[in-house]
Amino acid sequence: MTRSVLGIIGGSGIYDLPGLTNVVEEVIASPWGEPSAALRIGEMAGLSVVFLPRHDKGHRLSPSDINYRANIDVLKRAGVTDLISLSACGSFKEELPPGSFVLVDQFVDRTHKRESSFFGKGCVAHVSMAHPVSPRLRIHLAAAAEAEGIAVARGGTYVCIEGPQFSTLAESLTYKGLGYAVIGMTNMPEAKLAREAELSYATVAMVTDFDCWHPDHDAVTVQDIIKVLAANAEKAKRLVARLAADFPREHEPCPIGSDRALDTAIITAKEARDPALLAKLDAVAGRVLRGS
C-alpha cells in the first residue's frame, strides 16, 4: 500500500494553512519552471499534508500567470497522492448564493493561454478526462463538511475562463443557459495536469458572487468578493482540518483510475520518444516510463 499524502492548493484568500504542524518550507526545483511558491510540508492530525498557495502570498500571480505544470510537478515530487483544490468562484444558480460550497464533478475549459499538458512532441499521451474528479475524494470531502456542519452542494459543472477579466453579460448568460453551476479562472488546466500526473483530484468551489447575470448583481467587484473570501476561508480551513483527521492513512485506489491514468495513455513508440522530454517527465510519468 502507498502512504497517503494530502495536497492542498489554496486559491484566492487562502495563502496559508493554520493547523499544519512540524512545518518545513521547501523549494523544490521543477524542469517545468518556477511554481507559485515554496511548498509548506507538515502534518495535520498525523497525516502528511503539503500546502501550496496557488497565487503566492499576497496574491502575486494572476490566473494566466500561474505555472500550472510546475505546481503539479512539485506536488508530485513531494509525494502527494491526493490533491484538493480550494477555489473561489462565481455562481450561476440562485440556490448557490455567496458563501456556498460546491463539490464540482465536471469542468468546461474555456482557457486559451496556458500550457495544458506535460506531454507533446517527442512523447504523446492521451489521458481520459471523462470524469475529471475523483469520486472517492468527493465522498471524503462531503463527509468532512457534514461533520463540521458546512453545507455543500454535491455535484455541478465548473466553467474555467481565461480571465483576468470577469465575464461579459452575454458570456455569463450563455454559461448560465448551458446549465453550468459555477465559474472560475484556475481549475483548468490544473485538473488535466493532475490527471496526467496520476493524482486523484477534487475541487471545493467556494462561491463569492453571482457573476453578472443576476439582476441584483449587475457587476462583480473585487471589493465585494473580498468581503466573502474571509468567511469562506475560515470554513475551508475547518473543512480541511476535519478531512485530514478522518482521511485514510493509506492511499485508496481511485475507482475511476485517476492514479493509473497513464497505464494506457502513452502512444509514442519507445524508439521515437525524445530523451530530453522523458527526463522532464521523471516525476509525472516515471512509474510508467520506467516500467516500459
Protein backbone atom coordinates (compact mmCIF):
# COMPACT_ATOMS: atom_id res chain seq x y z
CA MET A 1 0.00 0.00 0.00
CA THR A 2 1.05 3.60 -0.62
CA ARG A 3 1.05 6.09 2.24
CA SER A 4 -1.46 8.91 1.76
CA VAL A 5 -0.05 12.39 1.30
CA LEU A 6 -2.76 15.02 1.02
CA GLY A 7 -2.03 18.01 -1.18
CA ILE A 8 -3.95 21.26 -0.69
CA ILE A 9 -3.89 24.06 -3.25
CA GLY A 10 -5.11 27.29 -1.70
CA GLY A 11 -6.91 29.68 -4.01
CA SER A 12 -7.92 33.32 -3.55
CA GLY A 13 -8.00 34.23 0.14
CA ILE A 14 -6.19 31.05 1.27
CA TYR A 15 -2.48 31.76 1.41
CA ASP A 16 -1.64 29.68 4.49
CA LEU A 17 -2.98 26.60 6.26
CA PRO A 18 -3.42 27.01 10.02
CA GLY A 19 -3.17 23.76 11.95
CA LEU A 20 -0.26 22.45 9.90
CA THR A 21 2.42 21.25 12.35
CA ASN A 22 6.08 20.25 12.05
CA VAL A 23 6.21 22.53 9.04
CA VAL A 24 9.14 22.60 6.67
CA GLU A 25 9.09 25.16 3.87
CA GLU A 26 10.72 23.61 0.86
CA VAL A 27 11.63 24.99 -2.55
CA ILE A 28 11.53 22.10 -4.98
CA ALA A 29 13.07 22.62 -8.40
CA SER A 30 10.97 21.68 -11.41
CA PRO A 31 12.08 21.17 -15.02
CA TRP A 32 8.82 22.91 -15.97
CA GLY A 33 9.82 26.24 -14.47
CA GLU A 34 9.00 28.11 -11.27
CA PRO A 35 6.00 27.03 -9.18
CA SER A 36 3.74 29.55 -7.47
CA ALA A 37 5.56 29.37 -4.14
CA ALA A 38 7.60 27.20 -1.83
CA LEU A 39 5.74 24.16 -0.53
CA ARG A 40 4.73 24.05 3.13
CA ILE A 41 5.16 20.42 4.14
CA GLY A 42 3.90 19.18 7.50
CA GLU A 43 1.24 17.20 9.30
CA MET A 44 -2.39 17.59 10.31
CA ALA A 45 -3.76 15.07 12.81
CA GLY A 46 -0.80 12.85 11.98
CA LEU A 47 -1.47 12.92 8.22
CA SER A 48 1.21 14.15 5.85
CA VAL A 49 -0.03 17.34 4.18
CA VAL A 50 1.57 19.53 1.52
CA PHE A 51 0.22 23.04 1.01
CA LEU A 52 0.74 25.33 -1.98
CA PRO A 53 -0.80 28.83 -2.33
CA ARG A 54 -1.82 28.99 -5.99
CA HIS A 55 -1.42 32.77 -6.30
CA ASP A 56 1.50 33.02 -3.84
CA LYS A 57 1.30 35.05 -0.65
CA GLY A 58 -0.14 38.49 -1.27
CA HIS A 59 -1.88 37.22 -4.40
CA ARG A 60 1.12 37.95 -6.63
CA LEU A 61 0.05 35.80 -9.60
CA SER A 62 -2.96 36.22 -11.87
CA PRO A 63 -4.73 33.07 -13.13
CA SER A 64 -2.98 33.40 -16.50
CA ASP A 65 0.47 33.78 -14.92
CA ILE A 66 0.36 30.65 -12.76
CA ASN A 67 2.75 27.92 -13.87
CA TYR A 68 0.29 25.05 -13.53
CA ARG A 69 2.73 22.45 -14.83
CA ALA A 70 5.40 23.39 -12.31
CA ASN A 71 2.85 23.39 -9.48
CA ILE A 72 1.60 19.89 -10.22
CA ASP A 73 5.12 18.62 -10.86
CA VAL A 74 6.49 19.80 -7.48
CA LEU A 75 3.46 18.43 -5.64
CA LYS A 76 4.10 15.06 -7.29
CA ARG A 77 7.78 15.26 -6.36
CA ALA A 78 6.76 15.98 -2.75
CA GLY A 79 4.91 12.65 -2.69
CA VAL A 80 1.32 13.93 -2.92
CA THR A 81 -1.17 11.16 -3.72
CA ASP A 82 -4.49 13.00 -3.34
CA LEU A 83 -4.99 16.65 -4.28
CA ILE A 84 -7.68 19.07 -3.11
CA SER A 85 -8.20 22.42 -4.82
CA LEU A 86 -9.79 25.22 -2.77
CA SER A 87 -11.07 27.74 -5.31
CA ALA A 88 -13.10 30.94 -5.26
CA CYS A 89 -15.82 31.08 -7.92
CA GLY A 90 -18.95 32.82 -9.14
CA SER A 91 -22.38 31.18 -9.16
CA PHE A 92 -24.97 30.74 -11.92
CA LYS A 93 -27.70 29.41 -9.63
CA GLU A 94 -29.98 31.19 -7.16
CA GLU A 95 -29.68 28.22 -4.84
CA LEU A 96 -25.88 28.72 -4.68
CA PRO A 97 -25.54 32.21 -3.15
CA PRO A 98 -22.25 33.72 -1.94
CA GLY A 99 -20.86 31.58 0.86
CA SER A 100 -21.98 28.30 -0.73
CA PHE A 101 -19.52 25.42 -1.22
CA VAL A 102 -19.82 23.19 -4.29
CA LEU A 103 -18.14 19.81 -4.77
CA VAL A 104 -17.97 20.03 -8.54
CA ASP A 105 -17.86 16.88 -10.65
CA GLN A 106 -17.31 18.31 -14.14
CA PHE A 107 -15.26 21.02 -15.84
CA VAL A 108 -15.52 23.00 -19.06
CA ASP A 109 -12.23 24.53 -20.20
CA ARG A 110 -12.50 27.97 -21.82
CA THR A 111 -8.85 28.97 -21.25
CA HIS A 112 -6.57 29.66 -24.20
CA LYS A 113 -3.19 30.99 -22.99
CA ARG A 114 -1.99 28.13 -20.80
CA GLU A 115 0.18 25.06 -21.26
CA SER A 116 -2.30 22.26 -20.65
CA SER A 117 -0.17 19.11 -20.90
CA PHE A 118 3.15 17.68 -19.79
CA PHE A 119 3.26 15.67 -23.00
CA GLY A 120 3.82 16.73 -26.59
CA LYS A 121 6.32 16.42 -29.42
CA GLY A 122 8.58 13.50 -28.55
CA CYS A 123 6.17 11.76 -26.19
CA VAL A 124 2.46 11.92 -26.87
CA ALA A 125 -0.13 10.82 -24.32
CA HIS A 126 -3.92 10.98 -24.23
CA VAL A 127 -5.45 10.60 -20.75
CA SER A 128 -9.18 10.24 -20.18
CA MET A 129 -10.91 13.31 -18.76
CA ALA A 130 -14.45 11.96 -18.96
CA HIS A 131 -14.68 12.04 -15.18
CA PRO A 132 -12.13 14.64 -14.03
CA VAL A 133 -12.87 14.46 -10.30
CA SER A 134 -12.08 11.51 -8.07
CA PRO A 135 -15.43 10.31 -6.66
CA ARG A 136 -13.78 8.92 -3.55
CA LEU A 137 -12.23 12.28 -2.72
CA ARG A 138 -15.61 13.95 -3.17
CA ILE A 139 -17.12 11.44 -0.72
CA HIS A 140 -14.44 12.24 1.87
CA LEU A 141 -14.99 15.97 1.38
CA ALA A 142 -18.75 15.62 1.74
CA ALA A 143 -18.33 13.60 4.94
CA ALA A 144 -15.92 16.18 6.38
CA ALA A 145 -18.33 19.00 5.52
CA GLU A 146 -21.23 17.20 7.16
CA ALA A 147 -19.17 16.56 10.29
CA GLU A 148 -18.35 20.28 10.50
CA GLY A 149 -21.89 21.44 9.75
CA ILE A 150 -20.80 23.03 6.48
CA ALA A 151 -23.46 22.86 3.77
CA VAL A 152 -22.16 21.68 0.40
CA ALA A 153 -23.79 21.07 -2.96
CA ARG A 154 -22.78 17.68 -4.30
CA GLY A 155 -22.11 17.99 -8.00
CA GLY A 156 -22.10 20.74 -10.60
CA THR A 157 -20.10 21.92 -13.58
CA TYR A 158 -17.29 24.46 -13.19
CA VAL A 159 -16.51 26.50 -16.32
CA CYS A 160 -12.98 27.88 -16.30
CA ILE A 161 -12.38 31.11 -18.19
CA GLU A 162 -9.03 32.68 -19.02
CA GLY A 163 -9.52 35.93 -17.15
CA PRO A 164 -8.23 38.02 -15.53
CA GLN A 165 -11.32 40.00 -16.55
CA PHE A 166 -14.72 38.87 -15.30
CA SER A 167 -17.32 37.71 -17.84
CA THR A 168 -19.37 39.92 -20.11
CA LEU A 169 -23.10 39.79 -19.52
CA ALA A 170 -23.54 37.82 -22.76
CA GLU A 171 -20.97 35.26 -21.66
CA SER A 172 -22.48 34.98 -18.19
CA LEU A 173 -25.98 34.43 -19.59
CA THR A 174 -24.63 31.85 -22.05
CA TYR A 175 -22.91 29.82 -19.33
CA LYS A 176 -25.99 30.03 -17.12
CA GLY A 177 -28.16 28.88 -20.02
CA LEU A 178 -25.88 25.89 -20.58
CA GLY A 179 -26.59 24.75 -17.04
CA TYR A 180 -23.17 25.34 -15.53
CA ALA A 181 -23.10 25.75 -11.75
CA VAL A 182 -20.05 27.93 -11.13
CA ILE A 183 -17.36 29.92 -12.93
CA GLY A 184 -13.71 30.37 -12.04
CA MET A 185 -10.30 31.06 -13.56
CA THR A 186 -7.91 28.46 -12.14
CA ASN A 187 -9.06 24.83 -12.16
CA MET A 188 -8.06 24.31 -15.77
CA PRO A 189 -5.58 23.12 -16.85
CA GLU A 190 -4.86 22.21 -13.23
CA ALA A 191 -7.27 19.26 -13.26
CA LYS A 192 -5.92 18.00 -16.59
CA LEU A 193 -2.33 18.13 -15.36
CA ALA A 194 -3.25 16.40 -12.11
CA ARG A 195 -4.74 13.57 -14.16
CA GLU A 196 -1.60 13.30 -16.28
CA ALA A 197 0.44 13.19 -13.07
CA GLU A 198 -1.81 10.38 -11.78
CA LEU A 199 -3.04 12.39 -8.80
CA SER A 200 -6.57 11.90 -7.52
CA TYR A 201 -8.09 15.39 -7.71
CA ALA A 202 -11.15 17.15 -6.33
CA THR A 203 -12.31 20.75 -6.06
CA VAL A 204 -14.12 22.67 -3.36
CA ALA A 205 -15.59 25.61 -5.28
CA MET A 206 -16.36 28.42 -2.84
CA VAL A 207 -18.91 30.92 -4.12
CA THR A 208 -18.05 34.59 -3.67
CA ASP A 209 -20.59 36.22 -6.03
CA PHE A 210 -23.40 35.68 -8.53
CA ASP A 211 -21.36 36.73 -11.58
CA CYS A 212 -23.05 39.44 -13.64
CA TRP A 213 -26.12 37.52 -14.88
CA HIS A 214 -28.06 38.20 -11.69
CA PRO A 215 -30.46 41.18 -11.92
CA ASP A 216 -29.50 42.30 -8.41
CA HIS A 217 -25.80 41.78 -9.04
CA ASP A 218 -25.07 43.91 -12.08
CA ALA A 219 -21.26 43.77 -11.91
CA VAL A 220 -18.66 41.83 -9.97
CA THR A 221 -16.18 43.90 -7.97
CA VAL A 222 -13.06 42.84 -6.10
CA GLN A 223 -14.29 44.74 -3.04
CA ASP A 224 -17.49 42.68 -2.89
CA ILE A 225 -15.57 39.44 -3.35
CA ILE A 226 -13.06 40.18 -0.60
CA LYS A 227 -15.89 40.52 1.92
CA VAL A 228 -16.94 36.91 1.24
CA LEU A 229 -13.44 35.47 0.86
CA ALA A 230 -12.58 35.77 4.55
CA ALA A 231 -15.71 33.89 5.70
CA ASN A 232 -15.21 31.22 3.03
CA ALA A 233 -11.55 30.81 4.00
CA GLU A 234 -12.44 30.14 7.63
CA LYS A 235 -14.93 27.44 6.63
CA ALA A 236 -12.41 25.95 4.20
CA LYS A 237 -9.78 25.66 6.91
CA ARG A 238 -12.25 23.85 9.18
CA LEU A 239 -13.15 21.55 6.30
CA VAL A 240 -9.51 20.70 5.60
CA ALA A 241 -8.78 20.05 9.28
CA ARG A 242 -11.68 17.59 9.51
CA LEU A 243 -10.74 15.99 6.18
CA ALA A 244 -7.18 15.42 7.39
CA ALA A 245 -8.32 13.99 10.72
CA ASP A 246 -10.56 11.41 9.04
CA PHE A 247 -8.55 10.77 5.86
CA PRO A 248 -7.35 7.18 5.21
CA ARG A 249 -3.68 6.84 6.09
CA GLU A 250 -3.13 4.51 3.15
CA HIS A 251 -3.93 5.79 -0.33
CA GLU A 252 -7.16 4.29 -1.62
CA PRO A 253 -7.05 3.22 -5.28
CA CYS A 254 -9.21 5.60 -7.28
CA PRO A 255 -12.34 3.84 -8.61
CA ILE A 256 -12.07 5.70 -11.93
CA GLY A 257 -8.33 5.13 -12.27
CA SER A 258 -7.06 8.66 -11.63
CA ASP A 259 -3.94 7.21 -10.05
CA ARG A 260 -3.31 4.86 -13.01
CA ALA A 261 -4.23 7.29 -15.78
CA LEU A 262 -1.05 6.70 -17.79
CA ASP A 263 -1.37 2.92 -17.98
CA THR A 264 -2.85 3.11 -21.47
CA ALA A 265 -2.24 6.78 -22.37
CA ILE A 266 1.23 6.96 -23.95
CA ILE A 267 1.06 6.29 -27.67
CA THR A 268 4.55 7.23 -28.88
CA ALA A 269 6.75 4.25 -29.70
CA LYS A 270 9.75 3.77 -27.41
CA GLU A 271 12.25 4.37 -30.19
CA ALA A 272 10.56 7.68 -31.14
CA ARG A 273 10.49 9.19 -27.66
CA ASP A 274 12.54 12.33 -27.02
CA PRO A 275 15.10 11.71 -24.23
CA ALA A 276 15.03 15.37 -23.19
CA LEU A 277 11.25 15.31 -22.69
CA LEU A 278 11.44 11.94 -20.92
CA ALA A 279 13.90 13.46 -18.45
CA LYS A 280 11.41 16.24 -17.65
CA LEU A 281 8.68 13.63 -17.16
CA ASP A 282 10.63 11.73 -14.48
CA ALA A 283 8.23 12.66 -11.64
CA VAL A 284 4.97 12.92 -13.56
CA ALA A 285 5.31 9.75 -15.63
CA GLY A 286 8.24 7.90 -14.12
CA ARG A 287 6.07 5.00 -12.97
CA VAL A 288 5.06 4.02 -16.49
CA LEU A 289 8.18 5.16 -18.33
CA ARG A 290 10.45 3.09 -16.10
CA GLY A 291 8.09 0.17 -16.47
CA SER A 292 8.05 0.37 -20.25
